[in-house]
Amino acid sequence: MGLFTKDIQTFEDLFLHQLQDIYYAEKQIAKALPKMAEKSGNPQLAQAFEGHLGESQGQIDRLEKVFAQLGETPKGVTCPAIDGIIKEANEVSGEIADKAVLDAALVAAGQAVEHYEITRYGTLISWAKQLGRTDAVSLLEATLAEEKAADVRLTKLAESRINKAAEAV
């Protein structure tokens, strides 16, 4: 089902499609986070990625609950946006030899992922409210709060030490 195909005819169809999109994205992110942690030269950054992996699994579980509330089987649809963000992160990180500069690039990639997720969850919350799906709202809001907190953690790491270390190279 493509985003602007005949398969999406109603607002509920669009809501379901976006759930499938973020479900796919969360699964891809869960695969990418261990690799990002492994590449990191900063132990606190690696720990942030590893910690968010656990959150991501909880987010996947919450999405599965939303699917159940809708009477739908959890499934993802390919998300070219997250695939592109992850591909770009892999390409850039493969070109950087210095660990300090690599860490700055990894933070930027992590924040690109978080910002994508923040936009998706914000939209889903708004749509769930409009559709009267209050059962889904609290689940989606819990995930949005985690995504915003992850972004703040990455910003603090970047501004307190990672960017300074990269600049020193």
C-alpha atoms as a PDB file:
ATOM      1  CA  MET A   1       0.000   0.000   0.000  1.00  0.00           C
ATOM      2  CA  GLY A   2       1.606   3.263  -1.087  1.00  0.00           C
ATOM      3  CA  LEU A   3       0.927   6.550   0.658  1.00  0.00           C
ATOM      4  CA  PHE A   4      -1.208   8.058  -2.075  1.00  0.00           C
ATOM      5  CA  THR A   5      -2.833   5.006  -3.547  1.00  0.00           C
ATOM      6  CA  LYS A   6      -6.410   3.886  -3.779  1.00  0.00           C
ATOM      7  CA  ASP A   7      -5.786   1.711  -0.696  1.00  0.00           C
ATOM      8  CA  ILE A   8      -6.043   4.840   1.445  1.00  0.00           C
ATOM      9  CA  GLN A   9      -9.559   6.104   1.047  1.00  0.00           C
ATOM     10  CA  THR A  10     -10.518   7.281   4.529  1.00  0.00           C
ATOM     11  CA  PHE A  11      -8.955   9.125   7.415  1.00  0.00           C
ATOM     12  CA  GLU A  12      -8.907   5.840   9.349  1.00  0.00           C
ATOM     13  CA  ASP A  13      -7.046   4.205   6.443  1.00  0.00           C
ATOM     14  CA  LEU A  14      -4.502   7.016   6.611  1.00  0.00           C
ATOM     15  CA  PHE A  15      -4.166   6.613  10.402  1.00  0.00           C
ATOM     16  CA  LEU A  16      -3.577   2.874   9.997  1.00  0.00           C
ATOM     17  CA  HIS A  17      -1.023   3.485   7.248  1.00  0.00           C
ATOM     18  CA  GLN A  18       0.921   5.886   9.466  1.00  0.00           C
ATOM     19  CA  LEU A  19       0.863   3.323  12.282  1.00  0.00           C
ATOM     20  CA  GLN A  20       2.278   0.762   9.873  1.00  0.00           C
ATOM     21  CA  ASP A  21       4.897   3.276   8.744  1.00  0.00           C
ATOM     22  CA  ILE A  22       6.137   4.020  12.268  1.00  0.00           C
ATOM     23  CA  TYR A  23       5.968   0.328  13.193  1.00  0.00           C
ATOM     24  CA  TYR A  24       8.333  -0.454  10.320  1.00  0.00           C
ATOM     25  CA  ALA A  25      10.494   2.523  11.290  1.00  0.00           C
ATOM     26  CA  GLU A  26      10.752   1.418  14.933  1.00  0.00           C
ATOM     27  CA  LYS A  27      11.828  -2.066  13.846  1.00  0.00           C
ATOM     28  CA  GLN A  28      14.514  -0.603  11.557  1.00  0.00           C
ATOM     29  CA  ILE A  29      15.702   1.712  14.325  1.00  0.00           C
ATOM     30  CA  ALA A  30      15.927  -1.224  16.727  1.00  0.00           C
ATOM     31  CA  LYS A  31      18.251  -2.920  14.221  1.00  0.00           C
ATOM     32  CA  ALA A  32      20.375   0.213  13.735  1.00  0.00           C
ATOM     33  CA  LEU A  33      20.877   1.261  17.381  1.00  0.00           C
ATOM     34  CA  PRO A  34      23.286  -1.553  18.359  1.00  0.00           C
ATOM     35  CA  LYS A  35      25.434  -0.717  15.325  1.00  0.00           C
ATOM     36  CA  MET A  36      25.461   2.958  16.273  1.00  0.00           C
ATOM     37  CA  ALA A  37      26.438   2.089  19.846  1.00  0.00           C
ATOM     38  CA  GLU A  38      29.227  -0.156  18.587  1.00  0.00           C
ATOM     39  CA  LYS A  39      30.661   2.564  16.317  1.00  0.00           C
ATOM     40  CA  SER A  40      30.656   5.175  19.072  1.00  0.00           C
ATOM     41  CA  GLY A  41      33.934   6.063  20.718  1.00  0.00           C
ATOM     42  CA  ASN A  42      32.178   7.863  23.580  1.00  0.00           C
ATOM     43  CA  PRO A  43      30.921   5.478  26.276  1.00  0.00           C
ATOM     44  CA  GLN A  44      28.083   7.816  27.275  1.00  0.00           C
ATOM     45  CA  LEU A  45      26.887   8.031  23.685  1.00  0.00           C
ATOM     46  CA  ALA A  46      27.062   4.264  23.306  1.00  0.00           C
ATOM     47  CA  GLN A  47      25.071   3.949  26.538  1.00  0.00           C
ATOM     48  CA  ALA A  48      22.472   6.423  25.253  1.00  0.00           C
ATOM     49  CA  PHE A  49      21.987   4.360  22.088  1.00  0.00           C
ATOM     50  CA  GLU A  50      21.821   1.107  24.049  1.00  0.00           C
ATOM     51  CA  GLY A  51      19.328   2.610  26.496  1.00  0.00           C
ATOM     52  CA  HIS A  52      17.145   3.826  23.671  1.00  0.00           C
ATOM     53  CA  LEU A  53      17.150   0.333  22.203  1.00  0.00           C
ATOM     54  CA  GLY A  54      15.234  -0.848  25.261  1.00  0.00           C
ATOM     55  CA  GLU A  55      12.830   2.057  24.880  1.00  0.00           C
ATOM     56  CA  SER A  56      12.382   1.213  21.208  1.00  0.00           C
ATOM     57  CA  GLN A  57      11.292  -2.313  22.084  1.00  0.00           C
ATOM     58  CA  GLY A  58       8.738  -0.862  24.496  1.00  0.00           C
ATOM     59  CA  GLN A  59       7.568   1.473  21.753  1.00  0.00           C
ATOM     60  CA  ILE A  60       7.104  -1.460  19.390  1.00  0.00           C
ATOM     61  CA  ASP A  61       5.074  -3.215  22.101  1.00  0.00           C
ATOM     62  CA  ARG A  62       2.887  -0.120  22.525  1.00  0.00           C
ATOM     63  CA  LEU A  63       2.297   0.078  18.781  1.00  0.00           C
ATOM     64  CA  GLU A  64       1.229  -3.572  18.822  1.00  0.00           C
ATOM     65  CA  LYS A  65      -1.313  -2.658  21.512  1.00  0.00           C
ATOM     66  CA  VAL A  66      -2.647   0.147  19.309  1.00  0.00           C
ATOM     67  CA  PHE A  67      -2.984  -2.293  16.404  1.00  0.00           C
ATOM     68  CA  ALA A  68      -4.892  -4.658  18.726  1.00  0.00           C
ATOM     69  CA  GLN A  69      -7.198  -1.831  19.809  1.00  0.00           C
ATOM     70  CA  LEU A  70      -7.965  -1.246  16.141  1.00  0.00           C
ATOM     71  CA  GLY A  71      -8.557  -4.951  15.546  1.00  0.00           C
ATOM     72  CA  GLU A  72      -5.598  -5.056  13.175  1.00  0.00           C
ATOM     73  CA  THR A  73      -2.602  -7.369  12.951  1.00  0.00           C
ATOM     74  CA  PRO A  74       0.655  -5.486  13.522  1.00  0.00           C
ATOM     75  CA  LYS A  75       2.545  -5.054  10.279  1.00  0.00           C
ATOM     76  CA  GLY A  76       4.817  -2.494   8.802  1.00  0.00           C
ATOM     77  CA  VAL A  77       4.904  -0.777   5.472  1.00  0.00           C
ATOM     78  CA  THR A  78       8.203   0.289   4.008  1.00  0.00           C
ATOM     79  CA  CYS A  79       9.163   3.735   5.210  1.00  0.00           C
ATOM     80  CA  PRO A  80      11.495   5.348   2.678  1.00  0.00           C
ATOM     81  CA  ALA A  81      12.139   8.244   5.068  1.00  0.00           C
ATOM     82  CA  ILE A  82      13.635   6.143   7.864  1.00  0.00           C
ATOM     83  CA  ASP A  83      15.432   3.939   5.363  1.00  0.00           C
ATOM     84  CA  GLY A  84      17.012   7.080   3.913  1.00  0.00           C
ATOM     85  CA  ILE A  85      17.995   8.475   7.306  1.00  0.00           C
ATOM     86  CA  ILE A  86      19.630   5.184   8.304  1.00  0.00           C
ATOM     87  CA  LYS A  87      21.336   4.800   4.913  1.00  0.00           C
ATOM     88  CA  GLU A  88      22.749   8.315   5.128  1.00  0.00           C
ATOM     89  CA  ALA A  89      23.998   7.681   8.675  1.00  0.00           C
ATOM     90  CA  ASN A  90      25.742   4.493   7.548  1.00  0.00           C
ATOM     91  CA  GLU A  91      27.327   6.213   4.562  1.00  0.00           C
ATOM     92  CA  VAL A  92      28.567   9.210   6.528  1.00  0.00           C
ATOM     93  CA  SER A  93      29.837   7.136   9.442  1.00  0.00           C
ATOM     94  CA  GLY A  94      31.696   4.887   7.023  1.00  0.00           C
ATOM     95  CA  GLU A  95      33.625   7.890   5.721  1.00  0.00           C
ATOM     96  CA  ILE A  96      34.867   9.206   9.098  1.00  0.00           C
ATOM     97  CA  ALA A  97      38.078   7.807  10.548  1.00  0.00           C
ATOM     98  CA  ASP A  98      38.362   9.972  13.678  1.00  0.00           C
ATOM     99  CA  LYS A  99      36.238   8.651  16.567  1.00  0.00           C
ATOM    100  CA  ALA A 100      35.469  12.112  17.971  1.00  0.00           C
ATOM    101  CA  VAL A 101      34.189  13.380  14.631  1.00  0.00           C
ATOM    102  CA  LEU A 102      32.338  10.095  14.115  1.00  0.00           C
ATOM    103  CA  ASP A 103      30.579  10.568  17.454  1.00  0.00           C
ATOM    104  CA  ALA A 104      29.359  14.005  16.349  1.00  0.00           C
ATOM    105  CA  ALA A 105      28.025  12.434  13.152  1.00  0.00           C
ATOM    106  CA  LEU A 106      26.335   9.657  15.139  1.00  0.00           C
ATOM    107  CA  VAL A 107      24.604  12.205  17.372  1.00  0.00           C
ATOM    108  CA  ALA A 108      23.363  14.032  14.287  1.00  0.00           C
ATOM    109  CA  ALA A 109      22.066  10.770  12.821  1.00  0.00           C
ATOM    110  CA  GLY A 110      20.408   9.860  16.107  1.00  0.00           C
ATOM    111  CA  GLN A 111      18.705  13.228  16.264  1.00  0.00           C
ATOM    112  CA  ALA A 112      17.503  12.908  12.675  1.00  0.00           C
ATOM    113  CA  VAL A 113      15.853   9.640  13.684  1.00  0.00           C
ATOM    114  CA  GLU A 114      14.337  11.177  16.826  1.00  0.00           C
ATOM    115  CA  HIS A 115      12.976  14.180  14.959  1.00  0.00           C
ATOM    116  CA  TYR A 116      11.361  11.910  12.379  1.00  0.00           C
ATOM    117  CA  GLU A 117       9.739   9.867  15.144  1.00  0.00           C
ATOM    118  CA  ILE A 118       8.596  12.998  16.992  1.00  0.00           C
ATOM    119  CA  THR A 119       6.778  14.242  13.889  1.00  0.00           C
ATOM    120  CA  ARG A 120       5.128  10.878  13.261  1.00  0.00           C
ATOM    121  CA  TYR A 121       3.968  10.360  16.840  1.00  0.00           C
ATOM    122  CA  GLY A 122       2.716  13.950  17.098  1.00  0.00           C
ATOM    123  CA  THR A 123       0.639  13.440  13.987  1.00  0.00           C
ATOM    124  CA  LEU A 124      -0.673  10.070  15.155  1.00  0.00           C
ATOM    125  CA  ILE A 125      -1.747  11.558  18.487  1.00  0.00           C
ATOM    126  CA  SER A 126      -3.625  14.352  16.743  1.00  0.00           C
ATOM    127  CA  TRP A 127      -5.299  11.917  14.372  1.00  0.00           C
ATOM    128  CA  ALA A 128      -6.185   9.473  17.160  1.00  0.00           C
ATOM    129  CA  LYS A 129      -7.891  12.306  19.041  1.00  0.00           C
ATOM    130  CA  GLN A 130      -9.783  13.356  15.917  1.00  0.00           C
ATOM    131  CA  LEU A 131     -10.902   9.770  15.324  1.00  0.00           C
ATOM    132  CA  GLY A 132     -12.011   9.374  18.934  1.00  0.00           C
ATOM    133  CA  ARG A 133      -9.349   6.714  19.573  1.00  0.00           C
ATOM    134  CA  THR A 134      -8.627   7.879  23.116  1.00  0.00           C
ATOM    135  CA  ASP A 135      -7.456   4.348  23.935  1.00  0.00           C
ATOM    136  CA  ALA A 136      -4.516   4.856  21.568  1.00  0.00           C
ATOM    137  CA  VAL A 137      -3.691   8.410  22.616  1.00  0.00           C
ATOM    138  CA  SER A 138      -2.064   7.581  25.955  1.00  0.00           C
ATOM    139  CA  LEU A 139       0.078   4.849  24.387  1.00  0.00           C
ATOM    140  CA  LEU A 140       1.241   7.171  21.627  1.00  0.00           C
ATOM    141  CA  GLU A 141       1.848  10.028  24.082  1.00  0.00           C
ATOM    142  CA  ALA A 142       4.067   7.802  26.238  1.00  0.00           C
ATOM    143  CA  THR A 143       6.215   7.058  23.201  1.00  0.00           C
ATOM    144  CA  LEU A 144       6.328  10.699  22.120  1.00  0.00           C
ATOM    145  CA  ALA A 145       7.599  11.667  25.575  1.00  0.00           C
ATOM    146  CA  GLU A 146      10.375   9.061  25.301  1.00  0.00           C
ATOM    147  CA  GLU A 147      11.378  10.286  21.851  1.00  0.00           C
ATOM    148  CA  LYS A 148      11.581  13.886  23.051  1.00  0.00           C
ATOM    149  CA  ALA A 149      13.633  12.822  26.081  1.00  0.00           C
ATOM    150  CA  ALA A 150      16.027  10.866  23.848  1.00  0.00           C
ATOM    151  CA  ASP A 151      16.507  13.955  21.694  1.00  0.00           C
ATOM    152  CA  VAL A 152      17.257  16.055  24.790  1.00  0.00           C
ATOM    153  CA  ARG A 153      19.798  13.467  26.000  1.00  0.00           C
ATOM    154  CA  LEU A 154      21.565  13.539  22.640  1.00  0.00           C
ATOM    155  CA  THR A 155      21.604  17.344  22.618  1.00  0.00           C
ATOM    156  CA  LYS A 156      23.116  17.473  26.109  1.00  0.00           C
ATOM    157  CA  LEU A 157      25.792  14.948  25.177  1.00  0.00           C
ATOM    158  CA  ALA A 158      26.618  16.821  21.994  1.00  0.00           C
ATOM    159  CA  GLU A 159      26.791  20.239  23.606  1.00  0.00           C
ATOM    160  CA  SER A 160      28.610  19.182  26.757  1.00  0.00           C
ATOM    161  CA  ARG A 161      31.383  17.056  25.271  1.00  0.00           C
ATOM    162  CA  ILE A 162      30.957  15.402  21.877  1.00  0.00           C
ATOM    163  CA  ASN A 163      30.970  18.532  19.703  1.00  0.00           C
ATOM    164  CA  LYS A 164      33.912  19.955  21.668  1.00  0.00           C
ATOM    165  CA  ALA A 165      35.892  16.759  21.169  1.00  0.00           C
ATOM    166  CA  ALA A 166      35.102  16.783  17.444  1.00  0.00           C
ATOM    167  CA  GLU A 167      36.112  20.413  17.129  1.00  0.00           C
ATOM    168  CA  ALA A 168      39.473  19.672  18.750  1.00  0.00           C
ATOM    169  CA  VAL A 169      40.408  17.329  15.895  1.00  0.00           C
END
